[in-house]
Amino acid sequence: MKKQLLALGAFFLFATTGQAQQEIKMEDLSKHIGDSVTVCTKIYGGIFLDRSKGTPTFLNAGSNYPNSPLTIVIWADARKTFKQAPEVFYKDKNICVTGKVILYKEKAEIVVYDESQIMLQ
């Protein structure tokens, strides 16, 4: 029984380690489309589009809009998990965001589903 539990524990250890996010630099975003990563950067601004479909919040990471190399997207359901308005709270702060890098109109995005995906540095 102990050997079975030990083997099961080892399996879960290796299975979860293989799926861990890797920390990357902003300039390497294009090499990681489709990957789950952690990237650390400054938030230069953001906007809450309360009258748009899905009521998204966009955070401009790495530079001001429209030159930001990464946009962090927070949809309405995820916004409810934040204690404060993200576009105000994170402005001019250094953060690390964890999530899957996707392309939207040839620009990198990470969609955030919960406040815990963004950590202050």
Protein backbone atom coordinates (compact mmCIF):
# COMPACT_ATOMS: atom_id res chain seq x y z
CA MET A 1 0.00 0.00 0.00
CA LYS A 2 2.83 2.42 0.86
CA LYS A 3 4.52 1.73 -2.48
CA GLN A 4 1.26 2.44 -4.33
CA LEU A 5 0.80 5.74 -2.50
CA LEU A 6 4.42 6.70 -3.14
CA ALA A 7 4.05 5.89 -6.85
CA LEU A 8 0.79 7.86 -7.02
CA GLY A 9 2.42 10.84 -5.27
CA ALA A 10 5.37 10.77 -7.69
CA PHE A 11 2.98 10.65 -10.64
CA PHE A 12 1.10 13.76 -9.48
CA LEU A 13 4.35 15.58 -8.73
CA PHE A 14 5.65 15.05 -12.27
CA ALA A 15 2.25 15.66 -13.88
CA THR A 16 1.79 19.04 -12.22
CA THR A 17 5.41 20.11 -12.70
CA GLY A 18 5.11 19.63 -16.46
CA GLN A 19 2.23 22.10 -16.63
CA ALA A 20 3.82 24.90 -14.59
CA GLN A 21 3.98 28.34 -16.14
CA GLN A 22 7.36 29.64 -17.19
CA GLU A 23 8.43 33.20 -16.51
CA ILE A 24 9.33 35.05 -19.69
CA LYS A 25 10.50 38.53 -20.70
CA MET A 26 8.17 40.93 -22.51
CA GLU A 27 10.36 40.84 -25.62
CA ASP A 28 9.84 37.06 -25.85
CA LEU A 29 6.02 37.17 -25.94
CA SER A 30 5.83 36.37 -29.66
CA LYS A 31 7.74 33.12 -29.07
CA HIS A 32 5.14 31.93 -26.55
CA ILE A 33 1.79 32.29 -28.33
CA GLY A 34 -0.44 29.53 -26.97
CA ASP A 35 1.74 28.96 -23.90
CA SER A 36 0.79 29.59 -20.28
CA VAL A 37 3.41 31.97 -18.91
CA THR A 38 4.17 34.54 -16.25
CA VAL A 39 5.40 37.91 -17.47
CA CYS A 40 6.39 40.88 -15.31
CA THR A 41 5.97 44.43 -16.55
CA LYS A 42 4.64 47.90 -15.81
CA ILE A 43 1.01 48.83 -16.43
CA TYR A 44 0.92 52.14 -18.29
CA GLY A 45 -2.84 52.62 -18.32
CA GLY A 46 -6.14 50.98 -18.90
CA ILE A 47 -9.77 51.46 -19.71
CA PHE A 48 -13.08 49.95 -18.62
CA LEU A 49 -15.54 49.83 -21.52
CA ASP A 50 -18.77 49.58 -19.54
CA ARG A 51 -20.97 50.15 -22.61
CA SER A 52 -19.22 47.66 -24.90
CA LYS A 53 -20.29 44.06 -25.44
CA GLY A 54 -18.88 41.94 -22.62
CA THR A 55 -17.89 45.10 -20.71
CA PRO A 56 -14.14 44.47 -20.99
CA THR A 57 -11.31 46.08 -19.09
CA PHE A 58 -8.05 46.49 -20.99
CA LEU A 59 -4.71 47.06 -19.25
CA ASN A 60 -1.81 48.33 -21.38
CA ALA A 61 1.33 46.48 -20.33
CA GLY A 62 4.86 47.46 -21.27
CA SER A 63 4.00 50.79 -22.93
CA ASN A 64 1.15 53.21 -23.55
CA TYR A 65 -1.69 52.36 -25.94
CA PRO A 66 -1.44 51.75 -28.91
CA ASN A 67 2.21 50.70 -28.56
CA SER A 68 1.77 48.26 -25.67
CA PRO A 69 3.32 44.88 -26.53
CA LEU A 70 0.79 43.12 -24.25
CA THR A 71 -2.84 43.78 -23.47
CA ILE A 72 -4.32 42.24 -20.34
CA VAL A 73 -8.03 41.59 -20.87
CA ILE A 74 -10.48 41.32 -17.98
CA TRP A 75 -14.07 40.45 -18.91
CA ALA A 76 -17.08 41.44 -16.77
CA ASP A 77 -17.34 38.17 -14.80
CA ALA A 78 -13.65 38.27 -13.93
CA ARG A 79 -13.82 41.97 -13.02
CA LYS A 80 -16.19 41.03 -10.19
CA THR A 81 -13.32 39.16 -8.49
CA PHE A 82 -11.28 42.37 -8.14
CA LYS A 83 -11.51 44.40 -4.94
CA GLN A 84 -10.82 47.65 -6.83
CA ALA A 85 -11.17 48.87 -10.40
CA PRO A 86 -8.16 47.25 -12.14
CA GLU A 87 -7.66 50.10 -14.62
CA VAL A 88 -7.18 52.48 -11.67
CA PHE A 89 -5.48 50.21 -9.12
CA TYR A 90 -2.75 48.81 -11.40
CA LYS A 91 -1.95 52.03 -13.32
CA ASP A 92 1.77 52.92 -13.06
CA LYS A 93 2.49 49.78 -11.02
CA ASN A 94 4.82 46.88 -11.74
CA ILE A 95 2.98 43.57 -11.86
CA CYS A 96 3.40 39.95 -12.84
CA VAL A 97 0.54 38.37 -14.76
CA THR A 98 0.05 34.67 -15.33
CA GLY A 99 -2.02 33.22 -18.15
CA LYS A 100 -2.14 31.92 -21.70
CA VAL A 101 -0.69 34.20 -24.38
CA ILE A 102 -3.04 34.61 -27.34
CA LEU A 103 -2.99 36.80 -30.45
CA TYR A 104 -5.77 39.26 -31.23
CA LYS A 105 -5.31 41.40 -34.33
CA GLU A 106 -1.59 40.52 -34.34
CA LYS A 107 -1.08 41.73 -30.74
CA ALA A 108 -0.35 39.60 -27.68
CA GLU A 109 -3.04 39.31 -25.02
CA ILE A 110 -3.50 37.49 -21.75
CA VAL A 111 -7.08 37.04 -20.57
CA VAL A 112 -7.38 37.21 -16.79
CA TYR A 113 -10.17 35.19 -15.17
CA ASP A 114 -9.40 36.00 -11.53
CA GLU A 115 -7.58 38.72 -9.60
CA SER A 116 -5.10 36.12 -8.32
CA GLN A 117 -3.53 35.99 -11.82
CA ILE A 118 -2.08 39.49 -11.28
CA MET A 119 0.47 40.07 -8.53
CA LEU A 120 2.10 43.36 -7.55
CA GLN A 121 5.89 43.35 -7.67
